[in-house]
Amino acid sequence: MSNIDKRDRLKEKPFSYKITKGNKTFIYFENRRIKILNEKETKNFTSKINGKDDFQIQLVLAKITGNFKHGNER
């Protein structure tokens, strides 16, 4: 587990999420929305984070969003 998050960025909790009434999940990075999950993806996401601690949830969110920062974000 030492090779994961070498720069300790996930300890700062840069990712957050919000699940809506319509079972969509909005994923945010530093308070900017970067991804929307549909109902099926939300069900899969909630099963992955159920019972996890904050660091593991941050890791799941990072894996879901992938490599999204390429310098051309708004």
PDB file of N, CA and C in Angstrom:
ATOM      1  N   MET A   1       0.819  -1.190   0.000  1.00  0.00           N
ATOM      2  CA  MET A   1       0.000   0.000   0.000  1.00  0.00           C
ATOM      3  C   MET A   1       0.862   1.253   0.000  1.00  0.00           C
ATOM      4  N   SER A   2       2.160   1.124   0.190  1.00  0.00           N
ATOM      5  CA  SER A   2       3.029   2.296   0.263  1.00  0.00           C
ATOM      6  C   SER A   2       3.217   2.970  -1.090  1.00  0.00           C
ATOM      7  N   ASN A   3       3.012   2.242  -2.203  1.00  0.00           N
ATOM      8  CA  ASN A   3       3.163   2.844  -3.521  1.00  0.00           C
ATOM      9  C   ASN A   3       1.943   3.664  -3.929  1.00  0.00           C
ATOM     10  N   ILE A   4       0.843   3.497  -3.236  1.00  0.00           N
ATOM     11  CA  ILE A   4      -0.367   4.255  -3.526  1.00  0.00           C
ATOM     12  C   ILE A   4      -0.274   5.603  -2.828  1.00  0.00           C
ATOM     13  N   ASP A   5      -0.554   6.663  -3.578  1.00  0.00           N
ATOM     14  CA  ASP A   5      -0.580   8.021  -3.038  1.00  0.00           C
ATOM     15  C   ASP A   5       0.761   8.417  -2.410  1.00  0.00           C
ATOM     16  N   LYS A   6       1.802   8.373  -3.203  1.00  0.00           N
ATOM     17  CA  LYS A   6       3.145   8.686  -2.726  1.00  0.00           C
ATOM     18  C   LYS A   6       3.264  10.121  -2.223  1.00  0.00           C
ATOM     19  N   ARG A   7       2.473  11.035  -2.816  1.00  0.00           N
ATOM     20  CA  ARG A   7       2.568  12.445  -2.425  1.00  0.00           C
ATOM     21  C   ARG A   7       1.542  12.838  -1.361  1.00  0.00           C
ATOM     22  N   ASP A   8       0.830  11.853  -0.815  1.00  0.00           N
ATOM     23  CA  ASP A   8      -0.165  12.088   0.241  1.00  0.00           C
ATOM     24  C   ASP A   8      -1.246  13.078  -0.156  1.00  0.00           C
ATOM     25  N   ARG A   9      -1.636  13.092  -1.420  1.00  0.00           N
ATOM     26  CA  ARG A   9      -2.693  14.003  -1.883  1.00  0.00           C
ATOM     27  C   ARG A   9      -4.068  13.567  -1.380  1.00  0.00           C
ATOM     28  N   LEU A  10      -4.293  12.275  -1.230  1.00  0.00           N
ATOM     29  CA  LEU A  10      -5.614  11.806  -0.830  1.00  0.00           C
ATOM     30  C   LEU A  10      -5.912  12.082   0.638  1.00  0.00           C
ATOM     31  N   LYS A  11      -4.890  12.311   1.437  1.00  0.00           N
ATOM     32  CA  LYS A  11      -5.109  12.673   2.835  1.00  0.00           C
ATOM     33  C   LYS A  11      -5.751  14.049   2.949  1.00  0.00           C
ATOM     34  N   GLU A  12      -5.571  14.878   1.934  1.00  0.00           N
ATOM     35  CA  GLU A  12      -6.171  16.214   1.909  1.00  0.00           C
ATOM     36  C   GLU A  12      -7.643  16.169   1.507  1.00  0.00           C
ATOM     37  N   LYS A  13      -8.125  14.997   1.114  1.00  0.00           N
ATOM     38  CA  LYS A  13      -9.503  14.763   0.677  1.00  0.00           C
ATOM     39  C   LYS A  13      -9.912  15.698  -0.463  1.00  0.00           C
ATOM     40  N   PRO A  14      -9.242  15.602  -1.612  1.00  0.00           N
ATOM     41  CA  PRO A  14      -9.589  16.491  -2.737  1.00  0.00           C
ATOM     42  C   PRO A  14     -10.893  16.099  -3.427  1.00  0.00           C
ATOM     43  N   PHE A  15     -11.327  14.844  -3.272  1.00  0.00           N
ATOM     44  CA  PHE A  15     -12.540  14.377  -3.933  1.00  0.00           C
ATOM     45  C   PHE A  15     -13.722  14.423  -2.977  1.00  0.00           C
ATOM     46  N   SER A  16     -14.887  14.714  -3.547  1.00  0.00           N
ATOM     47  CA  SER A  16     -16.130  14.615  -2.801  1.00  0.00           C
ATOM     48  C   SER A  16     -17.198  14.128  -3.763  1.00  0.00           C
ATOM     49  N   TYR A  17     -18.335  13.739  -3.208  1.00  0.00           N
ATOM     50  CA  TYR A  17     -19.407  13.254  -4.067  1.00  0.00           C
ATOM     51  C   TYR A  17     -20.753  13.588  -3.447  1.00  0.00           C
ATOM     52  N   LYS A  18     -21.765  13.582  -4.303  1.00  0.00           N
ATOM     53  CA  LYS A  18     -23.128  13.848  -3.866  1.00  0.00           C
ATOM     54  C   LYS A  18     -24.042  12.925  -4.651  1.00  0.00           C
ATOM     55  N   ILE A  19     -24.883  12.174  -3.944  1.00  0.00           N
ATOM     56  CA  ILE A  19     -25.840  11.273  -4.587  1.00  0.00           C
ATOM     57  C   ILE A  19     -27.206  11.954  -4.558  1.00  0.00           C
ATOM     58  N   THR A  20     -27.827  12.093  -5.724  1.00  0.00           N
ATOM     59  CA  THR A  20     -29.105  12.783  -5.837  1.00  0.00           C
ATOM     60  C   THR A  20     -30.271  11.828  -5.612  1.00  0.00           C
ATOM     61  N   LYS A  21     -31.467  12.378  -5.558  1.00  0.00           N
ATOM     62  CA  LYS A  21     -32.677  11.561  -5.390  1.00  0.00           C
ATOM     63  C   LYS A  21     -32.882  10.642  -6.585  1.00  0.00           C
ATOM     64  N   GLY A  22     -32.460  11.065  -7.765  1.00  0.00           N
ATOM     65  CA  GLY A  22     -32.612  10.263  -8.967  1.00  0.00           C
ATOM     66  C   GLY A  22     -31.527   9.225  -9.146  1.00  0.00           C
ATOM     67  N   ASN A  23     -30.767   8.948  -8.073  1.00  0.00           N
ATOM     68  CA  ASN A  23     -29.673   7.966  -8.082  1.00  0.00           C
ATOM     69  C   ASN A  23     -28.588   8.295  -9.092  1.00  0.00           C
ATOM     70  N   LYS A  24     -28.279   9.560  -9.230  1.00  0.00           N
ATOM     71  CA  LYS A  24     -27.104   9.972  -9.982  1.00  0.00           C
ATOM     72  C   LYS A  24     -26.082  10.443  -8.962  1.00  0.00           C
ATOM     73  N   THR A  25     -24.823  10.239  -9.283  1.00  0.00           N
ATOM     74  CA  THR A  25     -23.755  10.674  -8.392  1.00  0.00           C
ATOM     75  C   THR A  25     -22.914  11.717  -9.089  1.00  0.00           C
ATOM     76  N   PHE A  26     -22.728  12.851  -8.431  1.00  0.00           N
ATOM     77  CA  PHE A  26     -21.847  13.900  -8.925  1.00  0.00           C
ATOM     78  C   PHE A  26     -20.537  13.785  -8.166  1.00  0.00           C
ATOM     79  N   ILE A  27     -19.437  13.685  -8.897  1.00  0.00           N
ATOM     80  CA  ILE A  27     -18.117  13.582  -8.275  1.00  0.00           C
ATOM     81  C   ILE A  27     -17.388  14.902  -8.502  1.00  0.00           C
ATOM     82  N   TYR A  28     -16.826  15.423  -7.420  1.00  0.00           N
ATOM     83  CA  TYR A  28     -16.140  16.709  -7.446  1.00  0.00           C
ATOM     84  C   TYR A  28     -14.670  16.533  -7.096  1.00  0.00           C
ATOM     85  N   PHE A  29     -13.838  17.361  -7.712  1.00  0.00           N
ATOM     86  CA  PHE A  29     -12.421  17.452  -7.356  1.00  0.00           C
ATOM     87  C   PHE A  29     -12.161  18.901  -7.004  1.00  0.00           C
ATOM     88  N   GLU A  30     -11.798  19.150  -5.758  1.00  0.00           N
ATOM     89  CA  GLU A  30     -11.577  20.503  -5.255  1.00  0.00           C
ATOM     90  C   GLU A  30     -12.759  21.405  -5.603  1.00  0.00           C
ATOM     91  N   ASN A  31     -13.956  20.918  -5.279  1.00  0.00           N
ATOM     92  CA  ASN A  31     -15.232  21.622  -5.442  1.00  0.00           C
ATOM     93  C   ASN A  31     -15.608  21.919  -6.886  1.00  0.00           C
ATOM     94  N   ARG A  32     -15.014  21.234  -7.843  1.00  0.00           N
ATOM     95  CA  ARG A  32     -15.402  21.348  -9.254  1.00  0.00           C
ATOM     96  C   ARG A  32     -15.923  20.006  -9.719  1.00  0.00           C
ATOM     97  N   ARG A  33     -17.115  20.018 -10.314  1.00  0.00           N
ATOM     98  CA  ARG A  33     -17.709  18.762 -10.772  1.00  0.00           C
ATOM     99  C   ARG A  33     -16.919  18.235 -11.963  1.00  0.00           C
ATOM    100  N   ILE A  34     -16.500  16.975 -11.876  1.00  0.00           N
ATOM    101  CA  ILE A  34     -15.693  16.405 -12.949  1.00  0.00           C
ATOM    102  C   ILE A  34     -16.323  15.181 -13.580  1.00  0.00           C
ATOM    103  N   LYS A  35     -17.312  14.569 -12.907  1.00  0.00           N
ATOM    104  CA  LYS A  35     -17.906  13.365 -13.467  1.00  0.00           C
ATOM    105  C   LYS A  35     -19.300  13.161 -12.887  1.00  0.00           C
ATOM    106  N   ILE A  36     -20.183  12.595 -13.726  1.00  0.00           N
ATOM    107  CA  ILE A  36     -21.534  12.246 -13.301  1.00  0.00           C
ATOM    108  C   ILE A  36     -21.723  10.755 -13.567  1.00  0.00           C
ATOM    109  N   LEU A  37     -22.170  10.041 -12.541  1.00  0.00           N
ATOM    110  CA  LEU A  37     -22.429   8.611 -12.673  1.00  0.00           C
ATOM    111  C   LEU A  37     -23.928   8.384 -12.825  1.00  0.00           C
ATOM    112  N   ASN A  38     -24.312   7.487 -13.725  1.00  0.00           N
ATOM    113  CA  ASN A  38     -25.730   7.164 -13.891  1.00  0.00           C
ATOM    114  C   ASN A  38     -26.177   6.202 -12.792  1.00  0.00           C
ATOM    115  N   GLU A  39     -27.436   5.745 -12.863  1.00  0.00           N
ATOM    116  CA  GLU A  39     -27.982   4.886 -11.802  1.00  0.00           C
ATOM    117  C   GLU A  39     -27.198   3.596 -11.619  1.00  0.00           C
ATOM    118  N   LYS A  40     -26.876   2.940 -12.719  1.00  0.00           N
ATOM    119  CA  LYS A  40     -26.145   1.665 -12.641  1.00  0.00           C
ATOM    120  C   LYS A  40     -24.749   1.882 -12.055  1.00  0.00           C
ATOM    121  N   GLU A  41     -24.069   2.927 -12.507  1.00  0.00           N
ATOM    122  CA  GLU A  41     -22.731   3.229 -11.983  1.00  0.00           C
ATOM    123  C   GLU A  41     -22.802   3.642 -10.515  1.00  0.00           C
ATOM    124  N   THR A  42     -23.873   4.346 -10.128  1.00  0.00           N
ATOM    125  CA  THR A  42     -24.038   4.752  -8.737  1.00  0.00           C
ATOM    126  C   THR A  42     -24.214   3.537  -7.833  1.00  0.00           C
ATOM    127  N   LYS A  43     -24.979   2.558  -8.283  1.00  0.00           N
ATOM    128  CA  LYS A  43     -25.182   1.340  -7.492  1.00  0.00           C
ATOM    129  C   LYS A  43     -23.846   0.617  -7.296  1.00  0.00           C
ATOM    130  N   ASN A  44     -23.045   0.540  -8.351  1.00  0.00           N
ATOM    131  CA  ASN A  44     -21.727  -0.086  -8.276  1.00  0.00           C
ATOM    132  C   ASN A  44     -20.813   0.707  -7.339  1.00  0.00           C
ATOM    133  N   PHE A  45     -20.863   2.034  -7.444  1.00  0.00           N
ATOM    134  CA  PHE A  45     -20.039   2.907  -6.614  1.00  0.00           C
ATOM    135  C   PHE A  45     -20.385   2.754  -5.141  1.00  0.00           C
ATOM    136  N   THR A  46     -21.681   2.773  -4.820  1.00  0.00           N
ATOM    137  CA  THR A  46     -22.072   2.664  -3.409  1.00  0.00           C
ATOM    138  C   THR A  46     -21.692   1.310  -2.813  1.00  0.00           C
ATOM    139  N   SER A  47     -21.729   0.268  -3.632  1.00  0.00           N
ATOM    140  CA  SER A  47     -21.312  -1.034  -3.117  1.00  0.00           C
ATOM    141  C   SER A  47     -19.806  -1.061  -2.847  1.00  0.00           C
ATOM    142  N   LYS A  48     -19.039  -0.292  -3.631  1.00  0.00           N
ATOM    143  CA  LYS A  48     -17.585  -0.258  -3.423  1.00  0.00           C
ATOM    144  C   LYS A  48     -17.195   0.537  -2.182  1.00  0.00           C
ATOM    145  N   ILE A  49     -17.951   1.600  -1.851  1.00  0.00           N
ATOM    146  CA  ILE A  49     -17.552   2.451  -0.727  1.00  0.00           C
ATOM    147  C   ILE A  49     -18.222   2.056   0.576  1.00  0.00           C
ATOM    148  N   ASN A  50     -19.155   1.128   0.544  1.00  0.00           N
ATOM    149  CA  ASN A  50     -19.872   0.723   1.745  1.00  0.00           C
ATOM    150  C   ASN A  50     -18.905   0.136   2.766  1.00  0.00           C
ATOM    151  N   GLY A  51     -18.824   0.770   3.937  1.00  0.00           N
ATOM    152  CA  GLY A  51     -17.977   0.273   5.014  1.00  0.00           C
ATOM    153  C   GLY A  51     -16.511   0.662   4.903  1.00  0.00           C
ATOM    154  N   LYS A  52     -16.157   1.520   3.973  1.00  0.00           N
ATOM    155  CA  LYS A  52     -14.759   1.934   3.795  1.00  0.00           C
ATOM    156  C   LYS A  52     -14.462   3.187   4.617  1.00  0.00           C
ATOM    157  N   ASP A  53     -13.187   3.390   4.939  1.00  0.00           N
ATOM    158  CA  ASP A  53     -12.794   4.616   5.624  1.00  0.00           C
ATOM    159  C   ASP A  53     -12.561   5.730   4.602  1.00  0.00           C
ATOM    160  N   ASP A  54     -12.260   6.931   5.083  1.00  0.00           N
ATOM    161  CA  ASP A  54     -12.127   8.102   4.206  1.00  0.00           C
ATOM    162  C   ASP A  54     -11.047   7.935   3.141  1.00  0.00           C
ATOM    163  N   PHE A  55      -9.893   7.384   3.528  1.00  0.00           N
ATOM    164  CA  PHE A  55      -8.805   7.219   2.569  1.00  0.00           C
ATOM    165  C   PHE A  55      -9.203   6.261   1.458  1.00  0.00           C
ATOM    166  N   GLN A  56      -9.852   5.168   1.810  1.00  0.00           N
ATOM    167  CA  GLN A  56     -10.257   4.184   0.808  1.00  0.00           C
ATOM    168  C   GLN A  56     -11.341   4.749  -0.113  1.00  0.00           C
ATOM    169  N   ILE A  57     -12.232   5.578   0.418  1.00  0.00           N
ATOM    170  CA  ILE A  57     -13.234   6.233  -0.426  1.00  0.00           C
ATOM    171  C   ILE A  57     -12.559   7.190  -1.396  1.00  0.00           C
ATOM    172  N   GLN A  58     -11.568   7.940  -0.923  1.00  0.00           N
ATOM    173  CA  GLN A  58     -10.825   8.839  -1.806  1.00  0.00           C
ATOM    174  C   GLN A  58     -10.135   8.048  -2.914  1.00  0.00           C
ATOM    175  N   LEU A  59      -9.612   6.896  -2.586  1.00  0.00           N
ATOM    176  CA  LEU A  59      -8.939   6.054  -3.565  1.00  0.00           C
ATOM    177  C   LEU A  59      -9.929   5.538  -4.616  1.00  0.00           C
ATOM    178  N   VAL A  60     -11.110   5.123  -4.180  1.00  0.00           N
ATOM    179  CA  VAL A  60     -12.144   4.669  -5.119  1.00  0.00           C
ATOM    180  C   VAL A  60     -12.551   5.810  -6.041  1.00  0.00           C
ATOM    181  N   LEU A  61     -12.736   7.002  -5.484  1.00  0.00           N
ATOM    182  CA  LEU A  61     -13.102   8.164  -6.299  1.00  0.00           C
ATOM    183  C   LEU A  61     -12.004   8.497  -7.311  1.00  0.00           C
ATOM    184  N   ALA A  62     -10.760   8.397  -6.897  1.00  0.00           N
ATOM    185  CA  ALA A  62      -9.642   8.665  -7.809  1.00  0.00           C
ATOM    186  C   ALA A  62      -9.610   7.651  -8.944  1.00  0.00           C
ATOM    187  N   LYS A  63      -9.879   6.402  -8.637  1.00  0.00           N
ATOM    188  CA  LYS A  63      -9.875   5.374  -9.677  1.00  0.00           C
ATOM    189  C   LYS A  63     -11.042   5.543 -10.642  1.00  0.00           C
ATOM    190  N   ILE A  64     -12.193   5.948 -10.139  1.00  0.00           N
ATOM    191  CA  ILE A  64     -13.360   6.153 -11.002  1.00  0.00           C
ATOM    192  C   ILE A  64     -13.127   7.310 -11.962  1.00  0.00           C
ATOM    193  N   THR A  65     -12.552   8.385 -11.466  1.00  0.00           N
ATOM    194  CA  THR A  65     -12.355   9.558 -12.320  1.00  0.00           C
ATOM    195  C   THR A  65     -11.215   9.366 -13.288  1.00  0.00           C
ATOM    196  N   GLY A  66     -10.251   8.545 -12.956  1.00  0.00           N
ATOM    197  CA  GLY A  66      -9.136   8.295 -13.857  1.00  0.00           C
ATOM    198  C   GLY A  66      -8.218   9.498 -13.973  1.00  0.00           C
ATOM    199  N   ASN A  67      -7.507   9.556 -15.069  1.00  0.00           N
ATOM    200  CA  ASN A  67      -6.556  10.628 -15.335  1.00  0.00           C
ATOM    201  C   ASN A  67      -7.287  11.744 -16.078  1.00  0.00           C
ATOM    202  N   PHE A  68      -7.902  12.647 -15.336  1.00  0.00           N
ATOM    203  CA  PHE A  68      -8.729  13.661 -15.962  1.00  0.00           C
ATOM    204  C   PHE A  68      -8.035  15.001 -16.125  1.00  0.00           C
ATOM    205  N   LYS A  69      -6.931  15.233 -15.455  1.00  0.00           N
ATOM    206  CA  LYS A  69      -6.286  16.547 -15.510  1.00  0.00           C
ATOM    207  C   LYS A  69      -5.223  16.581 -16.623  1.00  0.00           C
ATOM    208  N   HIS A  70      -5.528  17.336 -17.656  1.00  0.00           N
ATOM    209  CA  HIS A  70      -4.595  17.456 -18.765  1.00  0.00           C
ATOM    210  C   HIS A  70      -4.248  18.908 -19.074  1.00  0.00           C
ATOM    211  N   GLY A  71      -4.684  19.832 -18.244  1.00  0.00           N
ATOM    212  CA  GLY A  71      -4.357  21.230 -18.445  1.00  0.00           C
ATOM    213  C   GLY A  71      -5.370  22.006 -19.254  1.00  0.00           C
ATOM    214  N   ASN A  72      -6.412  21.333 -19.748  1.00  0.00           N
ATOM    215  CA  ASN A  72      -7.385  22.049 -20.537  1.00  0.00           C
ATOM    216  C   ASN A  72      -8.737  22.115 -19.849  1.00  0.00           C
ATOM    217  N   GLU A  73      -8.763  21.989 -18.517  1.00  0.00           N
ATOM    218  CA  GLU A  73     -10.011  22.091 -17.794  1.00  0.00           C
ATOM    219  C   GLU A  73     -10.445  23.541 -17.709  1.00  0.00           C
ATOM    220  N   ARG A  74     -11.738  23.720 -17.546  1.00  0.00           N
ATOM    221  CA  ARG A  74     -12.249  25.084 -17.384  1.00  0.00           C
ATOM    222  C   ARG A  74     -12.215  25.489 -15.958  1.00  0.00           C
TER     223      ARG A  74
END
